[in-house]
Amino acid sequence: MTYTLPDGQLTVQGMYFGILNPGPRPPFDNAITGGTGKYDRARGSVHAETVEAGRRFTIDLYL
C-alpha cells in the first residue's frame, strides 16, 4: 500500500485481516518499506485502527 501525504509518499507492506468479516475491522500493523520526499529512507511501522466502521481510520506512524 502507498500512503500519499503532503510532503511525499510512504510505502508499507503487511497483511490486513477482517475485510470480509462482518462487524468492526480489527487493528493492524504494517512495516514501512520506504518513501519519497520528506519520507525518503523512512523505516518503522504503521498501526491503524478503525474509527468508524469502514469509513475512516487513524494511522499512527512510528519512524
Protein backbone atom coordinates (compact mmCIF):
# COMPACT_ATOMS: atom_id res chain seq x y z
CA MET A 1 0.00 0.00 0.00
CA THR A 2 1.15 3.56 -0.61
CA TYR A 3 0.05 6.49 1.53
CA THR A 4 0.17 9.86 -0.23
CA LEU A 5 0.94 12.60 2.29
CA PRO A 6 1.51 16.36 1.86
CA ASP A 7 5.33 16.07 1.78
CA GLY A 8 5.76 12.76 -0.05
CA GLN A 9 4.65 9.15 0.00
CA LEU A 10 5.12 6.20 2.35
CA THR A 11 5.10 2.63 1.16
CA VAL A 12 4.05 -0.12 3.56
CA GLN A 13 3.71 -3.87 3.40
CA GLY A 14 1.76 -6.33 5.51
CA MET A 15 -1.47 -8.26 5.89
CA TYR A 16 -4.86 -6.76 6.66
CA PHE A 17 -7.33 -9.26 8.06
CA GLY A 18 -11.03 -8.76 8.65
CA ILE A 19 -12.16 -7.04 5.47
CA LEU A 20 -14.55 -9.89 4.63
CA ASN A 21 -15.81 -10.41 8.17
CA PRO A 22 -18.90 -8.57 9.41
CA GLY A 23 -18.54 -6.09 12.26
CA PRO A 24 -15.74 -3.73 13.19
CA ARG A 25 -12.44 -4.27 11.47
CA PRO A 26 -9.55 -5.30 13.71
CA PRO A 27 -6.49 -3.07 14.17
CA PHE A 28 -3.46 -3.92 12.05
CA ASP A 29 0.24 -3.17 11.79
CA ASN A 30 2.28 -2.86 8.60
CA ALA A 31 6.01 -2.35 8.03
CA ILE A 32 7.18 0.88 6.39
CA THR A 33 9.38 -0.23 3.49
CA GLY A 34 10.35 3.18 2.08
CA GLY A 35 9.16 6.56 0.97
CA THR A 36 9.68 9.65 -1.13
CA GLY A 37 10.18 13.35 -0.39
CA LYS A 38 10.22 14.08 3.34
CA TYR A 39 9.82 10.33 3.96
CA ASP A 40 12.85 9.26 1.89
CA ARG A 41 14.58 6.39 3.71
CA ALA A 42 11.69 6.07 6.16
CA ARG A 43 11.58 2.92 8.26
CA GLY A 44 9.27 1.86 11.05
CA SER A 45 5.67 0.73 11.20
CA VAL A 46 2.11 1.90 10.71
CA HIS A 47 -0.54 0.97 13.28
CA ALA A 48 -4.12 1.52 12.11
CA GLU A 49 -7.40 1.23 13.99
CA THR A 50 -10.90 1.72 12.60
CA VAL A 51 -12.71 4.79 13.96
CA GLU A 52 -15.98 4.38 12.03
CA ALA A 53 -16.79 1.02 10.51
CA GLY A 54 -15.30 1.09 7.03
CA ARG A 55 -15.34 4.88 6.64
CA ARG A 56 -12.38 6.36 8.44
CA PHE A 57 -9.39 5.15 10.38
CA THR A 58 -6.45 6.68 12.18
CA ILE A 59 -2.84 5.90 11.36
CA ASP A 60 -0.04 6.30 13.88
CA LEU A 61 3.37 6.43 12.22
CA TYR A 62 6.42 5.34 14.19
CA LEU A 63 9.57 6.41 12.37
